[in-house]
C-alpha atoms as a PDB file:
ATOM      1  CA  MET A   1     106.082 124.902  74.309  1.00  0.00           C
ATOM      2  CA  ASN A   2     103.717 126.845  72.076  1.00  0.00           C
ATOM      3  CA  LEU A   3      99.952 127.334  72.053  1.00  0.00           C
ATOM      4  CA  GLN A   4      98.830 128.317  68.569  1.00  0.00           C
ATOM      5  CA  ARG A   5      95.333 129.729  67.946  1.00  0.00           C
ATOM      6  CA  VAL A   6      94.059 127.671  70.864  1.00  0.00           C
ATOM      7  CA  GLY A   7      90.414 127.814  71.851  1.00  0.00           C
ATOM      8  CA  ARG A   8      88.391 125.904  74.414  1.00  0.00           C
ATOM      9  CA  ARG A   9      84.692 125.519  75.070  1.00  0.00           C
ATOM     10  CA  TYR A  10      82.725 122.899  76.970  1.00  0.00           C
ATOM     11  CA  GLY A  11      80.125 121.085  74.918  1.00  0.00           C
ATOM     12  CA  LEU A  12      79.375 121.386  71.219  1.00  0.00           C
ATOM     13  CA  THR A  13      77.402 124.594  71.598  1.00  0.00           C
ATOM     14  CA  GLY A  14      78.741 125.981  74.875  1.00  0.00           C
ATOM     15  CA  PRO A  15      80.275 129.454  75.100  1.00  0.00           C
ATOM     16  CA  TRP A  16      83.956 129.844  74.322  1.00  0.00           C
ATOM     17  CA  VAL A  17      86.064 130.091  77.491  1.00  0.00           C
ATOM     18  CA  LEU A  18      89.202 130.851  75.492  1.00  0.00           C
ATOM     19  CA  ARG A  19      89.631 131.810  71.850  1.00  0.00           C
ATOM     20  CA  ASP A  20      92.576 132.434  69.531  1.00  0.00           C
ATOM     21  CA  VAL A  21      95.219 132.088  72.268  1.00  0.00           C
ATOM     22  CA  HIS A  22      98.852 132.350  71.232  1.00  0.00           C
ATOM     23  CA  LEU A  23     101.406 131.678  73.960  1.00  0.00           C
ATOM     24  CA  GLY A  24     105.066 130.698  73.894  1.00  0.00           C
ATOM     25  CA  VAL A  25     106.767 129.311  76.988  1.00  0.00           C
ATOM     26  CA  PRO A  26     110.486 128.827  76.259  1.00  0.00           C
ATOM     27  CA  ALA A  27     112.699 126.650  78.442  1.00  0.00           C
ATOM     28  CA  GLY A  28     114.220 128.455  81.408  1.00  0.00           C
ATOM     29  CA  THR A  29     111.451 131.046  81.720  1.00  0.00           C
ATOM     30  CA  LEU A  30     108.926 132.065  84.362  1.00  0.00           C
ATOM     31  CA  VAL A  31     105.521 133.092  82.996  1.00  0.00           C
ATOM     32  CA  ARG A  32     102.719 134.602  85.068  1.00  0.00           C
ATOM     33  CA  ILE A  33      99.040 134.486  84.068  1.00  0.00           C
ATOM     34  CA  GLU A  34      96.625 137.037  85.542  1.00  0.00           C
ATOM     35  CA  GLY A  35      92.890 137.623  85.298  1.00  0.00           C
ATOM     36  CA  THR A  36      89.690 137.874  87.302  1.00  0.00           C
ATOM     37  CA  ASN A  37      87.880 134.880  88.771  1.00  0.00           C
ATOM     38  CA  GLY A  38      86.160 132.911  86.040  1.00  0.00           C
ATOM     39  CA  SER A  39      88.177 134.534  83.263  1.00  0.00           C
ATOM     40  CA  GLY A  40      89.633 131.237  82.042  1.00  0.00           C
ATOM     41  CA  LYS A  41      93.020 131.207  83.771  1.00  0.00           C
ATOM     42  CA  SER A  42      92.606 127.659  85.094  1.00  0.00           C
ATOM     43  CA  THR A  43      91.383 126.459  81.703  1.00  0.00           C
ATOM     44  CA  LEU A  44      94.498 127.913  80.091  1.00  0.00           C
ATOM     45  CA  LEU A  45      96.772 126.194  82.597  1.00  0.00           C
ATOM     46  CA  ARG A  46      94.997 122.854  82.101  1.00  0.00           C
ATOM     47  CA  LEU A  47      95.507 123.171  78.353  1.00  0.00           C
ATOM     48  CA  ALA A  48      99.178 124.005  78.834  1.00  0.00           C
ATOM     49  CA  ALA A  49      99.665 121.036  81.168  1.00  0.00           C
ATOM     50  CA  GLY A  50      97.851 118.628  78.852  1.00  0.00           C
ATOM     51  CA  ILE A  51      95.037 117.921  81.311  1.00  0.00           C
ATOM     52  CA  ASP A  52      92.483 119.215  78.774  1.00  0.00           C
ATOM     53  CA  ALA A  53      92.661 119.205  74.987  1.00  0.00           C
ATOM     54  CA  PRO A  54      91.924 122.342  72.974  1.00  0.00           C
ATOM     55  CA  THR A  55      88.674 122.543  71.051  1.00  0.00           C
ATOM     56  CA  GLU A  56      90.558 124.310  68.280  1.00  0.00           C
ATOM     57  CA  GLY A  57      94.186 125.146  67.613  1.00  0.00           C
ATOM     58  CA  ARG A  58      97.116 123.098  68.816  1.00  0.00           C
ATOM     59  CA  VAL A  59      99.735 122.814  71.527  1.00  0.00           C
ATOM     60  CA  THR A  60     103.244 121.863  70.401  1.00  0.00           C
ATOM     61  CA  GLY A  61     106.552 121.293  72.137  1.00  0.00           C
ATOM     62  CA  ARG A  62     105.135 120.327  75.532  1.00  0.00           C
ATOM     63  CA  PRO A  63     107.972 118.601  77.421  1.00  0.00           C
ATOM     64  CA  PRO A  64     107.383 114.914  78.208  1.00  0.00           C
ATOM     65  CA  ARG A  65     108.137 115.664  81.855  1.00  0.00           C
ATOM     66  CA  THR A  66     105.341 118.108  82.667  1.00  0.00           C
ATOM     67  CA  ALA A  67     103.891 118.504  86.172  1.00  0.00           C
ATOM     68  CA  TYR A  68     100.731 120.253  87.310  1.00  0.00           C
ATOM     69  CA  VAL A  69      99.370 121.441  90.659  1.00  0.00           C
ATOM     70  CA  PRO A  70      95.590 121.963  90.480  1.00  0.00           C
ATOM     71  CA  GLU A  71      93.678 124.636  92.326  1.00  0.00           C
ATOM     72  CA  ARG A  72      92.025 121.907  94.438  1.00  0.00           C
ATOM     73  CA  PHE A  73      93.864 118.790  95.575  1.00  0.00           C
ATOM     74  CA  PRO A  74      91.794 115.548  95.419  1.00  0.00           C
ATOM     75  CA  ALA A  75      92.479 114.401  98.969  1.00  0.00           C
ATOM     76  CA  ALA A  76      89.990 111.493  99.039  1.00  0.00           C
ATOM     77  CA  LEU A  77      92.426 108.963  97.575  1.00  0.00           C
ATOM     78  CA  PRO A  78      93.384 105.598  99.143  1.00  0.00           C
ATOM     79  CA  PHE A  79      97.015 106.497  99.883  1.00  0.00           C
ATOM     80  CA  THR A  80      99.179 107.789 102.665  1.00  0.00           C
ATOM     81  CA  ALA A  81     101.151 110.926 101.822  1.00  0.00           C
ATOM     82  CA  THR A  82     104.299 108.919 101.058  1.00  0.00           C
ATOM     83  CA  GLY A  83     102.375 106.194  99.240  1.00  0.00           C
ATOM     84  CA  TYR A  84     100.768 108.776  96.968  1.00  0.00           C
ATOM     85  CA  LEU A  85     104.088 110.465  96.216  1.00  0.00           C
ATOM     86  CA  VAL A  86     105.858 107.182  95.507  1.00  0.00           C
ATOM     87  CA  HIS A  87     102.994 106.130  93.216  1.00  0.00           C
ATOM     88  CA  LEU A  88     103.178 109.420  91.305  1.00  0.00           C
ATOM     89  CA  GLY A  89     106.965 109.189  91.186  1.00  0.00           C
ATOM     90  CA  ARG A  90     106.728 105.749  89.578  1.00  0.00           C
ATOM     91  CA  VAL A  91     104.225 107.092  87.054  1.00  0.00           C
ATOM     92  CA  GLN A  92     106.756 109.825  86.221  1.00  0.00           C
ATOM     93  CA  GLY A  93     109.493 107.260  85.559  1.00  0.00           C
ATOM     94  CA  LEU A  94     111.335 107.113  88.882  1.00  0.00           C
ATOM     95  CA  GLY A  95     112.374 103.842  90.485  1.00  0.00           C
ATOM     96  CA  ARG A  96     110.712 102.945  93.767  1.00  0.00           C
ATOM     97  CA  ARG A  97     113.762 103.761  95.863  1.00  0.00           C
ATOM     98  CA  ALA A  98     114.393 107.096  94.129  1.00  0.00           C
ATOM     99  CA  ALA A  99     110.713 107.994  94.404  1.00  0.00           C
ATOM    100  CA  GLY A 100     110.729 107.202  98.129  1.00  0.00           C
ATOM    101  CA  GLU A 101     113.858 109.252  98.763  1.00  0.00           C
ATOM    102  CA  ARG A 102     112.539 112.229  96.838  1.00  0.00           C
ATOM    103  CA  ALA A 103     109.146 111.968  98.530  1.00  0.00           C
ATOM    104  CA  ALA A 104     110.796 112.131 101.948  1.00  0.00           C
ATOM    105  CA  ARG A 105     112.988 115.052 100.907  1.00  0.00           C
ATOM    106  CA  TRP A 106     110.132 117.150  99.524  1.00  0.00           C
ATOM    107  CA  LEU A 107     107.864 116.461 102.476  1.00  0.00           C
ATOM    108  CA  GLU A 108     110.639 117.653 104.788  1.00  0.00           C
ATOM    109  CA  ARG A 109     111.284 120.731 102.679  1.00  0.00           C
ATOM    110  CA  PHE A 110     107.629 121.732 102.958  1.00  0.00           C
ATOM    111  CA  GLY A 111     107.421 120.957 106.659  1.00  0.00           C
ATOM    112  CA  ALA A 112     105.202 117.893 106.253  1.00  0.00           C
ATOM    113  CA  GLY A 113     107.648 115.118 107.118  1.00  0.00           C
ATOM    114  CA  ALA A 114     105.690 114.176 110.247  1.00  0.00           C
ATOM    115  CA  HIS A 115     102.696 113.311 108.053  1.00  0.00           C
ATOM    116  CA  ALA A 116     104.494 110.894 105.746  1.00  0.00           C
ATOM    117  CA  ARG A 117     102.343 107.947 106.848  1.00  0.00           C
ATOM    118  CA  THR A 118      99.100 109.854 107.330  1.00  0.00           C
ATOM    119  CA  PRO A 119      96.228 108.896 104.970  1.00  0.00           C
ATOM    120  CA  LEU A 120      95.478 111.680 102.507  1.00  0.00           C
ATOM    121  CA  ALA A 121      91.874 111.894 103.670  1.00  0.00           C
ATOM    122  CA  GLU A 122      93.054 112.749 107.204  1.00  0.00           C
ATOM    123  CA  LEU A 123      95.398 115.576 106.201  1.00  0.00           C
ATOM    124  CA  SER A 124      94.511 119.202 106.830  1.00  0.00           C
ATOM    125  CA  LYS A 125      93.904 121.311 103.746  1.00  0.00           C
ATOM    126  CA  GLY A 126      97.297 122.984 104.133  1.00  0.00           C
ATOM    127  CA  THR A 127      99.206 119.723 104.525  1.00  0.00           C
ATOM    128  CA  GLY A 128      97.303 118.214 101.611  1.00  0.00           C
ATOM    129  CA  GLN A 129      98.406 121.157  99.509  1.00  0.00           C
ATOM    130  CA  LYS A 130     102.020 120.498 100.499  1.00  0.00           C
ATOM    131  CA  VAL A 131     101.639 116.950  99.188  1.00  0.00           C
ATOM    132  CA  ALA A 132     100.092 118.283  95.975  1.00  0.00           C
ATOM    133  CA  VAL A 133     103.061 120.577  95.424  1.00  0.00           C
ATOM    134  CA  ALA A 134     105.573 117.866  96.342  1.00  0.00           C
ATOM    135  CA  GLN A 135     104.184 115.458  93.720  1.00  0.00           C
ATOM    136  CA  ALA A 136     104.751 118.037  91.013  1.00  0.00           C
ATOM    137  CA  LEU A 137     108.388 118.553  91.964  1.00  0.00           C
ATOM    138  CA  LEU A 138     109.387 114.905  92.467  1.00  0.00           C
ATOM    139  CA  ALA A 139     110.815 114.226  89.022  1.00  0.00           C
ATOM    140  CA  ASP A 140     112.407 117.614  88.210  1.00  0.00           C
ATOM    141  CA  PRO A 141     109.789 118.614  85.587  1.00  0.00           C
ATOM    142  CA  ASP A 142     110.817 120.516  82.484  1.00  0.00           C
ATOM    143  CA  LEU A 143     107.459 122.294  82.585  1.00  0.00           C
ATOM    144  CA  LEU A 144     105.837 123.106  85.928  1.00  0.00           C
ATOM    145  CA  VAL A 145     102.262 124.448  85.872  1.00  0.00           C
ATOM    146  CA  LEU A 146     100.971 125.946  89.134  1.00  0.00           C
ATOM    147  CA  ASP A 147      97.327 126.973  89.566  1.00  0.00           C
ATOM    148  CA  GLU A 148      97.075 128.920  92.840  1.00  0.00           C
ATOM    149  CA  ALA A 149      99.528 126.397  94.299  1.00  0.00           C
ATOM    150  CA  TRP A 150     100.498 128.723  97.185  1.00  0.00           C
ATOM    151  CA  THR A 151      96.907 128.897  98.491  1.00  0.00           C
ATOM    152  CA  GLY A 152      96.575 127.116 101.832  1.00  0.00           C
ATOM    153  CA  LEU A 153     100.314 126.897 102.486  1.00  0.00           C
ATOM    154  CA  ASP A 154     101.843 128.443 105.588  1.00  0.00           C
ATOM    155  CA  ALA A 155     104.411 131.205 105.238  1.00  0.00           C
ATOM    156  CA  ALA A 156     107.409 128.868 105.429  1.00  0.00           C
ATOM    157  CA  ALA A 157     105.984 126.534 102.792  1.00  0.00           C
ATOM    158  CA  ARG A 158     105.104 129.455 100.501  1.00  0.00           C
ATOM    159  CA  ALA A 159     108.695 130.660 100.720  1.00  0.00           C
ATOM    160  CA  GLU A 160     109.914 127.127 100.006  1.00  0.00           C
ATOM    161  CA  LEU A 161     107.725 126.929  96.912  1.00  0.00           C
ATOM    162  CA  ASP A 162     109.111 130.289  95.748  1.00  0.00           C
ATOM    163  CA  ARG A 163     112.563 128.807  96.122  1.00  0.00           C
ATOM    164  CA  ALA A 164     111.593 125.613  94.268  1.00  0.00           C
ATOM    165  CA  VAL A 165     110.243 127.679  91.372  1.00  0.00           C
ATOM    166  CA  ARG A 166     113.518 129.586  91.139  1.00  0.00           C
ATOM    167  CA  GLU A 167     115.435 126.305  91.200  1.00  0.00           C
ATOM    168  CA  ARG A 168     113.380 124.895  88.325  1.00  0.00           C
ATOM    169  CA  VAL A 169     113.933 127.994  86.193  1.00  0.00           C
ATOM    170  CA  ALA A 170     117.633 128.104  87.064  1.00  0.00           C
ATOM    171  CA  ALA A 171     117.951 124.459  86.006  1.00  0.00           C
ATOM    172  CA  GLY A 172     116.450 125.274  82.599  1.00  0.00           C
ATOM    173  CA  GLY A 173     112.830 124.350  83.268  1.00  0.00           C
ATOM    174  CA  ALA A 174     109.815 126.498  82.450  1.00  0.00           C
ATOM    175  CA  VAL A 175     107.226 127.523  85.040  1.00  0.00           C
ATOM    176  CA  LEU A 176     103.735 128.794  84.201  1.00  0.00           C
ATOM    177  CA  PHE A 177     101.765 130.030  87.204  1.00  0.00           C
ATOM    178  CA  VAL A 178      98.683 131.788  88.520  1.00  0.00           C
ATOM    179  CA  ASP A 179      98.535 133.301  92.005  1.00  0.00           C
ATOM    180  CA  HIS A 180      96.119 135.782  93.570  1.00  0.00           C
ATOM    181  CA  ASP A 181      98.910 137.629  95.411  1.00  0.00           C
ATOM    182  CA  PRO A 182     100.447 140.285  93.118  1.00  0.00           C
ATOM    183  CA  ARG A 183     103.593 140.194  95.250  1.00  0.00           C
ATOM    184  CA  ARG A 184     104.229 136.549  94.393  1.00  0.00           C
ATOM    185  CA  LEU A 185     107.636 136.388  92.644  1.00  0.00           C
ATOM    186  CA  ALA A 186     107.169 140.084  91.841  1.00  0.00           C
ATOM    187  CA  GLY A 187     109.526 141.330  89.156  1.00  0.00           C
ATOM    188  CA  GLU A 188     110.903 137.849  88.471  1.00  0.00           C
ATOM    189  CA  ALA A 189     108.594 136.733  85.653  1.00  0.00           C
ATOM    190  CA  ASP A 190     110.030 136.788  82.146  1.00  0.00           C
ATOM    191  CA  ALA A 191     106.547 137.470  80.781  1.00  0.00           C
ATOM    192  CA  VAL A 192     103.130 138.376  82.201  1.00  0.00           C
ATOM    193  CA  TYR A 193      99.809 137.771  80.430  1.00  0.00           C
ATOM    194  CA  ALA A 194      96.209 138.482  81.334  1.00  0.00           C
ATOM    195  CA  VAL A 195      93.129 136.503  80.312  1.00  0.00           C
ATOM    196  CA  ASN A 196      90.441 139.021  79.389  1.00  0.00           C
ATOM    197  CA  GLY A 197      87.210 138.235  77.562  1.00  0.00           C
ATOM    198  CA  GLY A 198      88.513 134.839  76.543  1.00  0.00           C
ATOM    199  CA  ARG A 199      91.615 136.347  74.944  1.00  0.00           C
ATOM    200  CA  LEU A 200      95.201 136.403  76.149  1.00  0.00           C
ATOM    201  CA  GLU A 201      96.893 139.791  76.352  1.00  0.00           C
ATOM    202  CA  ALA A 202     100.533 140.580  77.082  1.00  0.00           C
ATOM    203  CA  ARG A 203     101.011 142.787  80.124  1.00  0.00           C
ATOM    204  CA  PRO A 204     103.905 145.083  80.960  1.00  0.00           C
ATOM    205  CA  ARG A 205     105.860 143.763  83.923  1.00  0.00           C
ATOM    206  CA  ALA A 206     108.292 145.032  86.493  1.00  0.00           C
ATOM    207  CA  ALA A 207     111.810 144.711  85.171  1.00  0.00           C
ATOM    208  CA  GLY A 208     113.589 141.549  86.243  1.00  0.00           C
ATOM    209  CA  ALA A 209     117.111 141.310  87.535  1.00  0.00           C
ATOM    210  CA  ALA A 210     118.824 140.931  84.189  1.00  0.00           C
ATOM    211  CA  GLU A 211     117.365 144.073  82.634  1.00  0.00           C
ATOM    212  CA  ALA A 212     116.269 146.159  85.616  1.00  0.00           C
ATOM    213  CA  THR A 213     118.658 148.968  84.822  1.00  0.00           C
ATOM    214  CA  GLY A 214     120.213 147.909  81.530  1.00  0.00           C
ATOM    215  CA  ALA A 215     122.459 144.984  80.673  1.00  0.00           C
ATOM    216  CA  GLY A 216     125.663 146.778  81.642  1.00  0.00           C
ATOM    217  CA  ARG A 217     124.630 148.068  85.062  1.00  0.00           C
ATOM    218  CA  PRO A 218     125.106 146.066  88.266  1.00  0.00           C
ATOM    219  CA  VAL A 219     122.615 143.928  90.144  1.00  0.00           C
ATOM    220  CA  ARG A 220     122.798 142.963  93.810  1.00  0.00           C
ATOM    221  CA  VAL A 221     121.896 139.425  94.878  1.00  0.00           C
ATOM    222  CA  THR A 222     121.509 138.803  98.625  1.00  0.00           C
ATOM    223  CA  ALA A 223     121.736 135.149  99.697  1.00  0.00           C
ATOM    224  CA  SER A 224     122.553 132.908 102.639  1.00  0.00           C
ATOM    225  CA  GLY A 225     123.094 129.282 103.593  1.00  0.00           C
ATOM    226  CA  GLY A 226     125.598 128.284 100.938  1.00  0.00           C
ATOM    227  CA  ARG A 227     129.374 128.119 100.697  1.00  0.00           C
ATOM    228  CA  LEU A 228     131.593 130.209  98.438  1.00  0.00           C
ATOM    229  CA  PRO A 229     133.043 127.815  95.856  1.00  0.00           C
ATOM    230  CA  GLY A 230     136.695 127.350  95.064  1.00  0.00           C
ATOM    231  CA  HIS A 231     136.108 128.382  91.443  1.00  0.00           C
ATOM    232  CA  PRO A 232     135.094 131.841  90.157  1.00  0.00           C
ATOM    233  CA  LEU A 233     131.367 132.631  90.070  1.00  0.00           C
ATOM    234  CA  PRO A 234     129.761 134.043  86.877  1.00  0.00           C
ATOM    235  CA  GLY A 235     130.470 137.720  86.454  1.00  0.00           C
ATOM    236  CA  PRO A 236     132.671 137.445  88.433  1.00  0.00           C
ATOM    237  CA  PRO A 237     130.809 139.213  91.258  1.00  0.00           C
ATOM    238  CA  ALA A 238     132.109 141.372  94.041  1.00  0.00           C
ATOM    239  CA  TYR A 239     130.684 140.326  97.394  1.00  0.00           C
ATOM    240  CA  GLU A 240     130.402 141.339 101.018  1.00  0.00           C
ATOM    241  CA  THR A 241     129.268 139.432 104.090  1.00  0.00           C
ATOM    242  CA  GLY A 242     126.618 140.937 106.350  1.00  0.00           C
ATOM    243  CA  THR A 243     126.444 140.678 110.124  1.00  0.00           C
ATOM    244  CA  ASP A 244     123.286 138.550 109.765  1.00  0.00           C
ATOM    245  CA  GLY A 245     125.139 135.849 107.828  1.00  0.00           C
ATOM    246  CA  THR A 246     123.946 136.915 104.378  1.00  0.00           C
ATOM    247  CA  VAL A 247     126.275 137.506 101.456  1.00  0.00           C
ATOM    248  CA  THR A 248     125.537 140.272  98.956  1.00  0.00           C
ATOM    249  CA  PHE A 249     126.920 139.677  95.474  1.00  0.00           C
ATOM    250  CA  THR A 250     127.186 142.536  92.983  1.00  0.00           C
ATOM    251  CA  VAL A 251     127.380 141.473  89.355  1.00  0.00           C
ATOM    252  CA  PRO A 252     126.736 143.040  85.927  1.00  0.00           C
ATOM    253  CA  ALA A 253     123.084 142.512  85.006  1.00  0.00           C
ATOM    254  CA  ALA A 254     124.053 140.467  81.947  1.00  0.00           C
ATOM    255  CA  HIS A 255     125.521 137.822  84.293  1.00  0.00           C
ATOM    256  CA  SER A 256     122.824 137.884  86.996  1.00  0.00           C
ATOM    257  CA  ASP A 257     120.821 134.928  85.637  1.00  0.00           C
ATOM    258  CA  ALA A 258     123.955 132.775  85.446  1.00  0.00           C
ATOM    259  CA  LEU A 259     124.910 133.775  88.990  1.00  0.00           C
ATOM    260  CA  LEU A 260     121.452 132.890  90.325  1.00  0.00           C
ATOM    261  CA  ARG A 261     121.612 129.524  88.555  1.00  0.00           C
ATOM    262  CA  GLU A 262     125.008 128.810  90.120  1.00  0.00           C
ATOM    263  CA  LEU A 263     123.826 129.753  93.628  1.00  0.00           C
ATOM    264  CA  LEU A 264     120.550 127.805  93.446  1.00  0.00           C
ATOM    265  CA  THR A 265     122.162 124.627  92.122  1.00  0.00           C
ATOM    266  CA  ALA A 266     125.136 124.673  94.511  1.00  0.00           C
ATOM    267  CA  HIS A 267     125.554 121.997  97.204  1.00  0.00           C
ATOM    268  CA  PRO A 268     124.201 123.078  99.603  1.00  0.00           C
ATOM    269  CA  PRO A 269     122.024 125.514  97.639  1.00  0.00           C
ATOM    270  CA  TRP A 270     121.933 129.157  98.594  1.00  0.00           C
ATOM    271  CA  HIS A 271     118.684 130.745  99.777  1.00  0.00           C
ATOM    272  CA  ILE A 272     117.995 133.882  97.732  1.00  0.00           C
ATOM    273  CA  HIS A 273     116.662 136.754  99.868  1.00  0.00           C
ATOM    274  CA  GLY A 274     116.458 139.397  97.169  1.00  0.00           C
ATOM    275  CA  VAL A 275     117.552 140.632  93.748  1.00  0.00           C
ATOM    276  CA  SER A 276     117.656 144.358  93.051  1.00  0.00           C
ATOM    277  CA  PRO A 277     119.468 146.992  91.000  1.00  0.00           C
ATOM    278  CA  ALA A 278     122.671 148.156  92.672  1.00  0.00           C
ATOM    279  CA  THR A 279     122.249 151.799  93.567  1.00  0.00           C
ATOM    280  CA  THR A 280     125.445 152.252  95.533  1.00  0.00           C
ATOM    281  CA  GLY A 281     129.075 151.481  94.954  1.00  0.00           C
ATOM    282  CA  SER A 282     130.124 147.857  94.549  1.00  0.00           C
ATOM    283  CA  PRO A 283     131.232 146.064  97.686  1.00  0.00           C
ATOM    284  CA  ALA A 284     134.753 144.891  98.189  1.00  0.00           C
ATOM    285  CA  ARG A 285     135.709 141.422  97.067  1.00  0.00           C
END
């Protein structure tokens, strides 16, 4: 998806919120947007998601399957949690049965399964936010746009959303997000931009796994919960098992993205605890 010379203002003579924005979001990338309150971050995300139309410029290449989590979830809707998710799943092209199964799965993943039949208006703010996030993930979007989506979630649900973001990117989707916590997915974004004075500026970022120390140097991936497959993993990595049940894989940085994709899409999927440059000798196979 590409935003080309995009600008947005409200009203014919209102001030410009954004002006001359150029932004590319390739498939399989994680893009972070930063900026102060009121800088236009949410406006940019709404333009990217197709919720708002630009006043000038154009947006091209937006995937048909695009999902958006707003900063505030409209809880006063005449649905139960499951009813709302099934309705949104049908809108996104899922059959009723598939939508129901996915709704149940995502509610469980975010720790909200007990509220499946609770009316939206009776949900706590945190549980309502879990439903808001679940609706965006139901149909495996090719573009996922998250505006402060972690706000209001408990620690377990925030970690689960981190994991879901990694899964989307590993599956070839693009994720564009804003979050007030600078530690959120720190070092994992493929690009970081800041909205400043209505303009979009590229920001330097912490090196990600694939280029943290150069393409030829090793990266360590610590994970748990999965099973080692019968076929070779990308790399192939060396690995060692920790006393806490984790497995640490050491792989050349050029193969780290492929390894993460393999781990996150395995059945059952692995839970990724950390990715870092390898500073010691490689573990035994």
